[in-house]
Structures are given as structure tokens and as C-alpha cells.
Amino acid sequence: MTRPRRSLLFMPGSNARALEKARSLPADGIILDLEDSVAPDAKATARDQIAKAVTAGGFGKREVLIRVNSLDTPWWVEDVTMAGKVRPDGILVPKISTVGDLNAIANRLSDINADMSIRVWAMIETARAVLDADKLAAASRDSETRLAGFVFGPNDISRETRIRMQPGRAAMIPMITHCVLATRAHGLEILDGPYSDIANIDGFATECAQGRDLGFDGKTLIHPSHIEACNAIFTPPAEEVEQARKIIAAFERPENAARGAIQLDGRMVERLHADMARRTIAIADAIAAMGG
């Protein structure tokens, strides 16, 4: 099933009002957070509030993920245990660096007989994770890992590597491309990290468009004001969808059934373009089903 993931908004689990507001925001997905946005002395409260919120439901067609604390903290086991019991759509795990990290999450979920519908998303936030992106993505061949994709974390990568976060992210493009290639080689999804300068809407839109063009499926957000622009940028333009439908229709004509390439509107179109067109149409239809 194709699912739109244009915008996934982080909401702090310690803020009851934010959890309630998440049910009405036009994001494609909500990430209920137990990590960065929650102070150490509020972890238990946040865990309880998220459990109640997910159990109560009311998020409509939005994808619901729970971001747990990383495996180097004392909280992750309780976080994953709670998430496995309340059955969100997925669990987002920060600072995944090795296949062993993925296996630790998988083992915990297996121990509590968590429903296999719960997917795991790995945050790529360390130098080791970037270097071993292919190994991590390849772990998805083991269904027990439940791995659905990556979330690229530029801020933590910047902190660890000392690569400066500059407008345009030129220094990070090789790392981004490496991670995108790893996910595509193994049939996974990948989301861009958040944009920190909340008030700079133009800068956010520029980075959003860059992320789309680099191959990201969508972007994680830290403020609701970014949802509208993010959704618009990651939505296939109407003319692109129309052209995709024309390509599919052309290849479905009896006279083109055995052809690998055809002429359409004066241009050569190959079967690979039909595959790309199907993806465009699937995303557009899924967005329409979400209500736009």
C-alpha cells in the first residue's frame, strides 16, 4: 500500500495539549516524542500520556509513530514495551548505528509478542550509521526487524562529524545521497530531518524542495507552521499527475502492449517512465484519499 509521508510532525509526549492538537493537524503523520522534546524527569509522564493517546485513537488517517529513547539510555526498554502494547503504526528509534541495534529492538518487540503490523524506523544520526547505511537497510530482509525506512538526522550528524549546517547543505549531500541509495536498493522509504529555523518559511521551503529533489519521500517537522508548505512541495503537481496518466494509458493500448518504448507528444517514453508514472499516480491517489 502506498502511503503519503509528505509531512511527519514531532509532538512532545509530555505536553497533553500537543497530543490533543495532533488529532486535528493536516500532517500526513504524527510522531509522538519521548526523546529530545521530553526532559528526563518527565519521561514517565510522557510515556503514560502517549500510551493513553494512542489507545484512545482519534488520529484519523494520519500515520502515528512513537519516537522512543535511544538504546544508550535507561528508558528505551520501557518505551518500546509501551509502544509494542498500544500498537502505533510504527516506532522511531534514534541513533541506530548497527544491525545489532535493530536486533535489540526486534528482540524486545518479539519478547512482548508485539503485533507484526508495528513497523520500525531508524534514525540515521551517527557517522557509523551513514557509513553502514547499506548494511542497516539490508537488515530489512529479516522480517523480524520490521524495518520500514530511515529518517535522516542532520543536526546530530553535524554535531558528531563537525560538518557545519549551512544553507543548501552542500557538505551533507554526499551523505544524504548515500542513505537514499541504501534505502532504494532495499525497497525502503526515507524521510528528511527537520528544519530548525522555524520562523524562516522561505528557507524551509527551499530545503523542502531540495529534499524532494534529492529523493526523500517527505520531511519530519518540529512546528505546525511548516505543514502546509511541506505538503504542497511533496505533492506531485497536477500537470505531472496528468502526464503520468497519459503515459499509463498509452502503454495500455493494444498496439503498444509489446513495446519497450513509444512516442508520446513528440517525446520518446520508455517502460521505466511507466513505472515512475504508476508511483506518481499512487501517491496522488493516496494524498486524495487523505483529504488532500
C-alpha atoms as a PDB file:
ATOM      1  CA  MET A   1       0.000   0.000   0.000  1.00  0.00           C
ATOM      2  CA  THR A   2       1.337   3.418  -0.957  1.00  0.00           C
ATOM      3  CA  ARG A   3       1.079   5.844   1.929  1.00  0.00           C
ATOM      4  CA  PRO A   4       1.825   9.565   1.688  1.00  0.00           C
ATOM      5  CA  ARG A   5       4.536  10.679   4.080  1.00  0.00           C
ATOM      6  CA  ARG A   6       4.961  14.262   2.958  1.00  0.00           C
ATOM      7  CA  SER A   7       4.930  15.663   6.492  1.00  0.00           C
ATOM      8  CA  LEU A   8       5.510  13.940   9.828  1.00  0.00           C
ATOM      9  CA  LEU A   9       5.285  16.292  12.791  1.00  0.00           C
ATOM     10  CA  PHE A  10       7.041  15.719  16.111  1.00  0.00           C
ATOM     11  CA  MET A  11       4.793  16.367  19.128  1.00  0.00           C
ATOM     12  CA  PRO A  12       6.164  16.221  22.711  1.00  0.00           C
ATOM     13  CA  GLY A  13       4.641  13.386  24.711  1.00  0.00           C
ATOM     14  CA  SER A  14       4.887  15.411  27.907  1.00  0.00           C
ATOM     15  CA  ASN A  15       2.506  18.074  26.553  1.00  0.00           C
ATOM     16  CA  ALA A  16      -1.089  16.885  26.844  1.00  0.00           C
ATOM     17  CA  ARG A  17      -2.398  19.813  24.782  1.00  0.00           C
ATOM     18  CA  ALA A  18       0.008  18.986  21.963  1.00  0.00           C
ATOM     19  CA  LEU A  19      -1.163  15.365  21.929  1.00  0.00           C
ATOM     20  CA  GLU A  20      -4.750  16.527  21.602  1.00  0.00           C
ATOM     21  CA  LYS A  21      -3.897  19.077  18.913  1.00  0.00           C
ATOM     22  CA  ALA A  22      -2.134  16.363  16.894  1.00  0.00           C
ATOM     23  CA  ARG A  23      -5.507  14.813  16.096  1.00  0.00           C
ATOM     24  CA  SER A  24      -6.588  17.816  14.018  1.00  0.00           C
ATOM     25  CA  LEU A  25      -3.420  18.935  12.230  1.00  0.00           C
ATOM     26  CA  PRO A  26      -3.165  18.333   8.451  1.00  0.00           C
ATOM     27  CA  ALA A  27       0.126  16.427   8.647  1.00  0.00           C
ATOM     28  CA  ASP A  28       0.327  13.011   6.984  1.00  0.00           C
ATOM     29  CA  GLY A  29       1.788  11.608  10.172  1.00  0.00           C
ATOM     30  CA  ILE A  30       2.387  12.407  13.821  1.00  0.00           C
ATOM     31  CA  ILE A  31       5.498  11.419  15.781  1.00  0.00           C
ATOM     32  CA  LEU A  32       4.675  11.282  19.477  1.00  0.00           C
ATOM     33  CA  ASP A  33       8.013  12.028  21.100  1.00  0.00           C
ATOM     34  CA  LEU A  34       9.658  10.557  24.176  1.00  0.00           C
ATOM     35  CA  GLU A  35      13.181  11.686  23.326  1.00  0.00           C
ATOM     36  CA  ASP A  36      14.592  15.163  22.654  1.00  0.00           C
ATOM     37  CA  SER A  37      11.497  17.205  23.492  1.00  0.00           C
ATOM     38  CA  VAL A  38      10.954  15.482  26.855  1.00  0.00           C
ATOM     39  CA  ALA A  39      13.008  16.292  29.957  1.00  0.00           C
ATOM     40  CA  PRO A  40      14.449  13.332  31.930  1.00  0.00           C
ATOM     41  CA  ASP A  41      12.099  13.887  34.869  1.00  0.00           C
ATOM     42  CA  ALA A  42       9.097  13.912  32.515  1.00  0.00           C
ATOM     43  CA  LYS A  43       9.835  10.666  30.657  1.00  0.00           C
ATOM     44  CA  ALA A  44       7.476   8.501  32.702  1.00  0.00           C
ATOM     45  CA  THR A  45       4.628  11.013  32.463  1.00  0.00           C
ATOM     46  CA  ALA A  46       5.153  11.360  28.711  1.00  0.00           C
ATOM     47  CA  ARG A  47       5.149   7.579  28.300  1.00  0.00           C
ATOM     48  CA  ASP A  48       1.828   7.281  30.130  1.00  0.00           C
ATOM     49  CA  GLN A  49       0.254  10.155  28.192  1.00  0.00           C
ATOM     50  CA  ILE A  50       1.323   8.744  24.836  1.00  0.00           C
ATOM     51  CA  ALA A  51       0.004   5.319  25.765  1.00  0.00           C
ATOM     52  CA  LYS A  52      -3.392   6.796  26.617  1.00  0.00           C
ATOM     53  CA  ALA A  53      -3.454   8.958  23.484  1.00  0.00           C
ATOM     54  CA  VAL A  54      -2.658   6.093  21.102  1.00  0.00           C
ATOM     55  CA  THR A  55      -5.107   3.775  22.844  1.00  0.00           C
ATOM     56  CA  ALA A  56      -7.837   6.412  22.620  1.00  0.00           C
ATOM     57  CA  GLY A  57      -7.187   6.907  18.902  1.00  0.00           C
ATOM     58  CA  GLY A  58      -8.881   9.707  17.008  1.00  0.00           C
ATOM     59  CA  PHE A  59      -5.916  10.419  14.710  1.00  0.00           C
ATOM     60  CA  GLY A  60      -7.943   9.636  11.598  1.00  0.00           C
ATOM     61  CA  LYS A  61      -5.913   8.570   8.591  1.00  0.00           C
ATOM     62  CA  ARG A  62      -2.706  10.058   9.981  1.00  0.00           C
ATOM     63  CA  GLU A  63       0.184   7.681  10.481  1.00  0.00           C
ATOM     64  CA  VAL A  64       1.121   7.520  14.159  1.00  0.00           C
ATOM     65  CA  LEU A  65       4.703   6.836  15.220  1.00  0.00           C
ATOM     66  CA  ILE A  66       6.211   6.847  18.684  1.00  0.00           C
ATOM     67  CA  ARG A  67       9.815   8.033  19.000  1.00  0.00           C
ATOM     68  CA  VAL A  68      11.427   6.132  21.840  1.00  0.00           C
ATOM     69  CA  ASN A  69      14.658   6.994  23.614  1.00  0.00           C
ATOM     70  CA  SER A  70      17.932   5.667  22.216  1.00  0.00           C
ATOM     71  CA  LEU A  71      19.459   2.366  23.248  1.00  0.00           C
ATOM     72  CA  ASP A  72      22.172   4.073  25.316  1.00  0.00           C
ATOM     73  CA  THR A  73      19.577   5.415  27.780  1.00  0.00           C
ATOM     74  CA  PRO A  74      17.825   3.754  30.732  1.00  0.00           C
ATOM     75  CA  TRP A  75      14.381   4.442  29.246  1.00  0.00           C
ATOM     76  CA  TRP A  76      14.308   2.617  25.932  1.00  0.00           C
ATOM     77  CA  VAL A  77      13.104  -0.785  27.193  1.00  0.00           C
ATOM     78  CA  GLU A  78      10.055   0.699  28.902  1.00  0.00           C
ATOM     79  CA  ASP A  79       9.425   2.938  25.881  1.00  0.00           C
ATOM     80  CA  VAL A  80       9.483   0.051  23.406  1.00  0.00           C
ATOM     81  CA  THR A  81       7.419  -2.135  25.722  1.00  0.00           C
ATOM     82  CA  MET A  82       4.723   0.530  25.941  1.00  0.00           C
ATOM     83  CA  ALA A  83       4.772   1.146  22.203  1.00  0.00           C
ATOM     84  CA  GLY A  84       4.546  -2.552  21.460  1.00  0.00           C
ATOM     85  CA  LYS A  85       1.449  -2.852  23.626  1.00  0.00           C
ATOM     86  CA  VAL A  86      -0.506   0.178  22.361  1.00  0.00           C
ATOM     87  CA  ARG A  87       0.141  -0.610  18.668  1.00  0.00           C
ATOM     88  CA  PRO A  88       1.032   2.619  16.868  1.00  0.00           C
ATOM     89  CA  ASP A  89       1.780   2.352  13.159  1.00  0.00           C
ATOM     90  CA  GLY A  90       5.457   2.473  13.901  1.00  0.00           C
ATOM     91  CA  ILE A  91       8.306   3.051  16.328  1.00  0.00           C
ATOM     92  CA  LEU A  92      11.014   5.585  15.518  1.00  0.00           C
ATOM     93  CA  VAL A  93      14.355   4.731  17.124  1.00  0.00           C
ATOM     94  CA  PRO A  94      17.050   7.407  17.446  1.00  0.00           C
ATOM     95  CA  LYS A  95      20.784   6.897  16.911  1.00  0.00           C
ATOM     96  CA  ILE A  96      20.595   3.485  15.284  1.00  0.00           C
ATOM     97  CA  SER A  97      24.170   2.684  14.260  1.00  0.00           C
ATOM     98  CA  THR A  98      24.428  -1.095  13.869  1.00  0.00           C
ATOM     99  CA  VAL A  99      22.359  -4.085  12.852  1.00  0.00           C
ATOM    100  CA  GLY A 100      22.754  -5.152  16.478  1.00  0.00           C
ATOM    101  CA  ASP A 101      20.745  -2.073  17.487  1.00  0.00           C
ATOM    102  CA  LEU A 102      17.940  -3.102  15.137  1.00  0.00           C
ATOM    103  CA  ASN A 103      18.050  -6.633  16.521  1.00  0.00           C
ATOM    104  CA  ALA A 104      17.780  -5.336  20.086  1.00  0.00           C
ATOM    105  CA  ILE A 105      14.536  -3.544  19.205  1.00  0.00           C
ATOM    106  CA  ALA A 106      13.284  -6.587  17.302  1.00  0.00           C
ATOM    107  CA  ASN A 107      14.038  -8.884  20.238  1.00  0.00           C
ATOM    108  CA  ARG A 108      12.190  -6.652  22.690  1.00  0.00           C
ATOM    109  CA  LEU A 109       9.135  -6.483  20.449  1.00  0.00           C
ATOM    110  CA  SER A 110       9.264 -10.239  19.997  1.00  0.00           C
ATOM    111  CA  ASP A 111       9.540 -10.799  23.756  1.00  0.00           C
ATOM    112  CA  ILE A 112       6.247  -8.971  24.329  1.00  0.00           C
ATOM    113  CA  ASN A 113       4.554 -10.530  21.258  1.00  0.00           C
ATOM    114  CA  ALA A 114       4.020  -7.123  19.676  1.00  0.00           C
ATOM    115  CA  ASP A 115       1.786  -7.155  16.623  1.00  0.00           C
ATOM    116  CA  MET A 116       3.789  -7.503  13.398  1.00  0.00           C
ATOM    117  CA  SER A 117       1.915  -4.556  11.909  1.00  0.00           C
ATOM    118  CA  ILE A 118       4.121  -2.241  14.008  1.00  0.00           C
ATOM    119  CA  ARG A 119       6.965  -1.030  11.785  1.00  0.00           C
ATOM    120  CA  VAL A 120      10.388   0.219  12.883  1.00  0.00           C
ATOM    121  CA  TRP A 121      12.001   3.397  11.557  1.00  0.00           C
ATOM    122  CA  ALA A 122      15.710   4.007  12.137  1.00  0.00           C
ATOM    123  CA  MET A 123      17.073   7.492  12.685  1.00  0.00           C
ATOM    124  CA  ILE A 124      20.393   7.906  10.869  1.00  0.00           C
ATOM    125  CA  GLU A 125      22.223  10.311  13.176  1.00  0.00           C
ATOM    126  CA  THR A 126      25.758   8.991  13.538  1.00  0.00           C
ATOM    127  CA  ALA A 127      28.825   8.690  11.331  1.00  0.00           C
ATOM    128  CA  ARG A 128      28.701   4.900  11.716  1.00  0.00           C
ATOM    129  CA  ALA A 129      25.078   4.785  10.598  1.00  0.00           C
ATOM    130  CA  VAL A 130      25.856   6.750   7.444  1.00  0.00           C
ATOM    131  CA  LEU A 131      28.897   4.618   6.633  1.00  0.00           C
ATOM    132  CA  ASP A 132      26.881   1.404   7.164  1.00  0.00           C
ATOM    133  CA  ALA A 133      23.590   2.590   5.680  1.00  0.00           C
ATOM    134  CA  ASP A 134      23.537  -0.311   3.217  1.00  0.00           C
ATOM    135  CA  LYS A 135      24.078  -2.875   5.986  1.00  0.00           C
ATOM    136  CA  LEU A 136      21.289  -1.317   8.034  1.00  0.00           C
ATOM    137  CA  ALA A 137      18.889  -1.223   5.089  1.00  0.00           C
ATOM    138  CA  ALA A 138      19.778  -4.814   4.161  1.00  0.00           C
ATOM    139  CA  ALA A 139      18.634  -5.899   7.626  1.00  0.00           C
ATOM    140  CA  SER A 140      15.074  -5.347   6.372  1.00  0.00           C
ATOM    141  CA  ARG A 141      15.385  -8.695   4.577  1.00  0.00           C
ATOM    142  CA  ASP A 142      14.862 -10.216   8.027  1.00  0.00           C
ATOM    143  CA  SER A 143      11.169  -9.592   8.623  1.00  0.00           C
ATOM    144  CA  GLU A 144      11.752  -9.711  12.377  1.00  0.00           C
ATOM    145  CA  THR A 145      13.469  -6.318  12.214  1.00  0.00           C
ATOM    146  CA  ARG A 146      10.216  -4.773  10.881  1.00  0.00           C
ATOM    147  CA  LEU A 147      12.359  -2.091   9.223  1.00  0.00           C
ATOM    148  CA  ALA A 148      10.305   0.324   7.103  1.00  0.00           C
ATOM    149  CA  GLY A 149      12.852   3.037   6.454  1.00  0.00           C
ATOM    150  CA  PHE A 150      15.225   5.742   7.648  1.00  0.00           C
ATOM    151  CA  VAL A 151      14.864   9.247   8.996  1.00  0.00           C
ATOM    152  CA  PHE A 152      17.979  11.278   8.185  1.00  0.00           C
ATOM    153  CA  GLY A 153      19.114  13.330  11.197  1.00  0.00           C
ATOM    154  CA  PRO A 154      21.328  16.202  10.004  1.00  0.00           C
ATOM    155  CA  ASN A 155      21.654  18.003  13.332  1.00  0.00           C
ATOM    156  CA  ASP A 156      23.130  15.050  15.238  1.00  0.00           C
ATOM    157  CA  ILE A 157      25.336  14.147  12.283  1.00  0.00           C
ATOM    158  CA  SER A 158      26.610  17.731  12.264  1.00  0.00           C
ATOM    159  CA  ARG A 159      27.346  17.564  15.975  1.00  0.00           C
ATOM    160  CA  GLU A 160      29.259  14.289  15.712  1.00  0.00           C
ATOM    161  CA  THR A 161      31.162  14.959  12.490  1.00  0.00           C
ATOM    162  CA  ARG A 162      31.745  18.718  12.926  1.00  0.00           C
ATOM    163  CA  ILE A 163      30.321  19.265   9.447  1.00  0.00           C
ATOM    164  CA  ARG A 164      28.634  22.656   9.636  1.00  0.00           C
ATOM    165  CA  MET A 165      24.960  23.038   8.853  1.00  0.00           C
ATOM    166  CA  GLN A 166      24.912  25.675   6.135  1.00  0.00           C
ATOM    167  CA  PRO A 167      22.069  26.805   3.852  1.00  0.00           C
ATOM    168  CA  GLY A 168      21.945  24.412   0.937  1.00  0.00           C
ATOM    169  CA  ARG A 169      23.564  21.583   2.942  1.00  0.00           C
ATOM    170  CA  ALA A 170      26.242  21.158   0.252  1.00  0.00           C
ATOM    171  CA  ALA A 171      28.610  19.313   2.579  1.00  0.00           C
ATOM    172  CA  MET A 172      25.904  16.821   3.520  1.00  0.00           C
ATOM    173  CA  ILE A 173      24.614  15.978   0.057  1.00  0.00           C
ATOM    174  CA  PRO A 174      27.024  13.027  -0.403  1.00  0.00           C
ATOM    175  CA  MET A 175      25.799  11.518   2.881  1.00  0.00           C
ATOM    176  CA  ILE A 176      22.155  12.130   2.009  1.00  0.00           C
ATOM    177  CA  THR A 177      22.565  10.535  -1.414  1.00  0.00           C
ATOM    178  CA  HIS A 178      24.370   7.554   0.125  1.00  0.00           C
ATOM    179  CA  CYS A 179      21.465   6.954   2.514  1.00  0.00           C
ATOM    180  CA  VAL A 180      18.837   7.436  -0.202  1.00  0.00           C
ATOM    181  CA  LEU A 181      20.616   4.865  -2.395  1.00  0.00           C
ATOM    182  CA  ALA A 182      20.749   2.395   0.502  1.00  0.00           C
ATOM    183  CA  THR A 183      17.016   2.632   1.127  1.00  0.00           C
ATOM    184  CA  ARG A 184      16.067   2.349  -2.541  1.00  0.00           C
ATOM    185  CA  ALA A 185      18.362  -0.651  -3.027  1.00  0.00           C
ATOM    186  CA  HIS A 186      16.314  -2.472  -0.400  1.00  0.00           C
ATOM    187  CA  GLY A 187      12.852  -1.094  -1.137  1.00  0.00           C
ATOM    188  CA  LEU A 188      12.629   1.179   1.912  1.00  0.00           C
ATOM    189  CA  GLU A 189      11.402   4.743   2.479  1.00  0.00           C
ATOM    190  CA  ILE A 190      13.479   7.673   3.710  1.00  0.00           C
ATOM    191  CA  LEU A 191      12.419  10.952   5.332  1.00  0.00           C
ATOM    192  CA  ASP A 192      14.389  14.179   5.667  1.00  0.00           C
ATOM    193  CA  GLY A 193      15.186  15.641   9.059  1.00  0.00           C
ATOM    194  CA  PRO A 194      13.599  18.791  10.497  1.00  0.00           C
ATOM    195  CA  TYR A 195      14.449  22.397   9.688  1.00  0.00           C
ATOM    196  CA  SER A 196      15.405  24.272  12.846  1.00  0.00           C
ATOM    197  CA  ASP A 197      14.894  27.927  11.860  1.00  0.00           C
ATOM    198  CA  ILE A 198      11.146  27.855  12.479  1.00  0.00           C
ATOM    199  CA  ALA A 199      10.425  31.464  11.507  1.00  0.00           C
ATOM    200  CA  ASN A 200      12.276  31.243   8.185  1.00  0.00           C
ATOM    201  CA  ILE A 201       9.487  29.892   5.983  1.00  0.00           C
ATOM    202  CA  ASP A 202      11.330  30.696   2.753  1.00  0.00           C
ATOM    203  CA  GLY A 203      14.418  28.844   3.952  1.00  0.00           C
ATOM    204  CA  PHE A 204      12.247  25.911   5.000  1.00  0.00           C
ATOM    205  CA  ALA A 205      10.536  25.788   1.605  1.00  0.00           C
ATOM    206  CA  THR A 206      13.911  25.838  -0.163  1.00  0.00           C
ATOM    207  CA  GLU A 207      15.217  22.956   1.949  1.00  0.00           C
ATOM    208  CA  CYS A 208      11.948  21.064   1.455  1.00  0.00           C
ATOM    209  CA  ALA A 209      12.242  21.333  -2.320  1.00  0.00           C
ATOM    210  CA  GLN A 210      15.876  20.267  -2.123  1.00  0.00           C
ATOM    211  CA  GLY A 211      14.897  17.222  -0.056  1.00  0.00           C
ATOM    212  CA  ARG A 212      12.223  16.267  -2.572  1.00  0.00           C
ATOM    213  CA  ASP A 213      14.703  16.566  -5.439  1.00  0.00           C
ATOM    214  CA  LEU A 214      17.310  14.519  -3.554  1.00  0.00           C
ATOM    215  CA  GLY A 215      14.804  11.672  -3.327  1.00  0.00           C
ATOM    216  CA  PHE A 216      13.303  11.944   0.158  1.00  0.00           C
ATOM    217  CA  ASP A 217       9.696  10.740   0.490  1.00  0.00           C
ATOM    218  CA  GLY A 218       8.835  13.541   2.897  1.00  0.00           C
ATOM    219  CA  LYS A 219      10.146  15.581   5.794  1.00  0.00           C
ATOM    220  CA  THR A 220       9.939  15.460   9.565  1.00  0.00           C
ATOM    221  CA  LEU A 221       8.825  18.728  11.150  1.00  0.00           C
ATOM    222  CA  ILE A 222       9.109  20.410  14.532  1.00  0.00           C
ATOM    223  CA  HIS A 223       6.445  23.091  14.108  1.00  0.00           C
ATOM    224  CA  PRO A 224       2.883  23.018  12.744  1.00  0.00           C
ATOM    225  CA  SER A 225       3.514  26.170  10.706  1.00  0.00           C
ATOM    226  CA  HIS A 226       5.643  24.090   8.329  1.00  0.00           C
ATOM    227  CA  ILE A 227       2.943  21.536   7.445  1.00  0.00           C
ATOM    228  CA  GLU A 228       1.216  23.454   4.646  1.00  0.00           C
ATOM    229  CA  ALA A 229       4.379  24.255   2.703  1.00  0.00           C
ATOM    230  CA  CYS A 230       5.747  20.759   3.202  1.00  0.00           C
ATOM    231  CA  ASN A 231       2.573  19.106   1.928  1.00  0.00           C
ATOM    232  CA  ALA A 232       2.473  21.375  -1.108  1.00  0.00           C
ATOM    233  CA  ILE A 233       6.092  20.747  -2.061  1.00  0.00           C
ATOM    234  CA  PHE A 234       5.894  16.958  -1.713  1.00  0.00           C
ATOM    235  CA  THR A 235       2.564  16.718  -3.559  1.00  0.00           C
ATOM    236  CA  PRO A 236       3.002  15.788  -7.241  1.00  0.00           C
ATOM    237  CA  PRO A 237       1.871  18.775  -9.370  1.00  0.00           C
ATOM    238  CA  ALA A 238      -1.440  18.304 -11.194  1.00  0.00           C
ATOM    239  CA  GLU A 239       0.254  18.516 -14.595  1.00  0.00           C
ATOM    240  CA  GLU A 240       2.730  15.798 -13.556  1.00  0.00           C
ATOM    241  CA  VAL A 241      -0.133  13.525 -12.488  1.00  0.00           C
ATOM    242  CA  GLU A 242      -1.982  14.208 -15.737  1.00  0.00           C
ATOM    243  CA  GLN A 243       1.113  13.344 -17.758  1.00  0.00           C
ATOM    244  CA  ALA A 244       1.579  10.166 -15.715  1.00  0.00           C
ATOM    245  CA  ARG A 245      -1.965   9.068 -16.526  1.00  0.00           C
ATOM    246  CA  LYS A 246      -1.334   9.742 -20.225  1.00  0.00           C
ATOM    247  CA  ILE A 247       1.807   7.583 -20.140  1.00  0.00           C
ATOM    248  CA  ILE A 248      -0.022   4.676 -18.484  1.00  0.00           C
ATOM    249  CA  ALA A 249      -2.938   4.958 -20.914  1.00  0.00           C
ATOM    250  CA  ALA A 250      -0.581   4.985 -23.890  1.00  0.00           C
ATOM    251  CA  PHE A 251       1.218   1.810 -22.820  1.00  0.00           C
ATOM    252  CA  GLU A 252      -2.120   0.094 -22.167  1.00  0.00           C
ATOM    253  CA  ARG A 253      -3.197   0.468 -25.792  1.00  0.00           C
ATOM    254  CA  PRO A 254      -3.166  -2.924 -27.593  1.00  0.00           C
ATOM    255  CA  GLU A 255      -0.720  -1.732 -30.247  1.00  0.00           C
ATOM    256  CA  ASN A 256       1.819  -0.778 -27.538  1.00  0.00           C
ATOM    257  CA  ALA A 257       1.499  -3.888 -25.366  1.00  0.00           C
ATOM    258  CA  ALA A 258       4.797  -5.410 -26.518  1.00  0.00           C
ATOM    259  CA  ARG A 259       6.749  -2.202 -26.993  1.00  0.00           C
ATOM    260  CA  GLY A 260       9.524  -1.102 -24.713  1.00  0.00           C
ATOM    261  CA  ALA A 261       9.377   2.494 -25.906  1.00  0.00           C
ATOM    262  CA  ILE A 262       6.782   4.642 -27.631  1.00  0.00           C
ATOM    263  CA  GLN A 263       6.385   8.195 -28.867  1.00  0.00           C
ATOM    264  CA  LEU A 264       4.054  10.412 -26.859  1.00  0.00           C
ATOM    265  CA  ASP A 265       3.524  14.099 -27.583  1.00  0.00           C
ATOM    266  CA  GLY A 266       6.671  14.160 -29.655  1.00  0.00           C
ATOM    267  CA  ARG A 267       8.849  12.585 -26.941  1.00  0.00           C
ATOM    268  CA  MET A 268      10.294   9.090 -26.545  1.00  0.00           C
ATOM    269  CA  VAL A 269       8.814   7.356 -23.493  1.00  0.00           C
ATOM    270  CA  GLU A 270      10.160   4.079 -22.112  1.00  0.00           C
ATOM    271  CA  ARG A 271       8.682   1.414 -19.853  1.00  0.00           C
ATOM    272  CA  LEU A 272      10.698   2.819 -16.950  1.00  0.00           C
ATOM    273  CA  HIS A 273       8.726   6.041 -17.325  1.00  0.00           C
ATOM    274  CA  ALA A 274       5.537   3.995 -16.944  1.00  0.00           C
ATOM    275  CA  ASP A 275       6.857   2.587 -13.666  1.00  0.00           C
ATOM    276  CA  MET A 276       7.614   6.120 -12.459  1.00  0.00           C
ATOM    277  CA  ALA A 277       4.171   7.228 -13.610  1.00  0.00           C
ATOM    278  CA  ARG A 278       2.479   4.487 -11.578  1.00  0.00           C
ATOM    279  CA  ARG A 279       4.314   5.670  -8.465  1.00  0.00           C
ATOM    280  CA  THR A 280       3.234   9.276  -9.114  1.00  0.00           C
ATOM    281  CA  ILE A 281      -0.387   8.248  -9.566  1.00  0.00           C
ATOM    282  CA  ALA A 282      -0.330   6.034  -6.476  1.00  0.00           C
ATOM    283  CA  ILE A 283       0.993   8.883  -4.332  1.00  0.00           C
ATOM    284  CA  ALA A 284      -1.504  11.373  -5.797  1.00  0.00           C
ATOM    285  CA  ASP A 285      -4.400   8.973  -5.182  1.00  0.00           C
ATOM    286  CA  ALA A 286      -3.227   8.287  -1.628  1.00  0.00           C
ATOM    287  CA  ILE A 287      -2.998  12.023  -0.933  1.00  0.00           C
ATOM    288  CA  ALA A 288      -6.515  12.498  -2.306  1.00  0.00           C
ATOM    289  CA  ALA A 289      -7.739   9.701  -0.025  1.00  0.00           C
ATOM    290  CA  MET A 290      -6.183  11.561   2.931  1.00  0.00           C
ATOM    291  CA  GLY A 291      -8.303  14.569   2.024  1.00  0.00           C
ATOM    292  CA  GLY A 292      -5.609  16.457   0.124  1.00  0.00           C
END
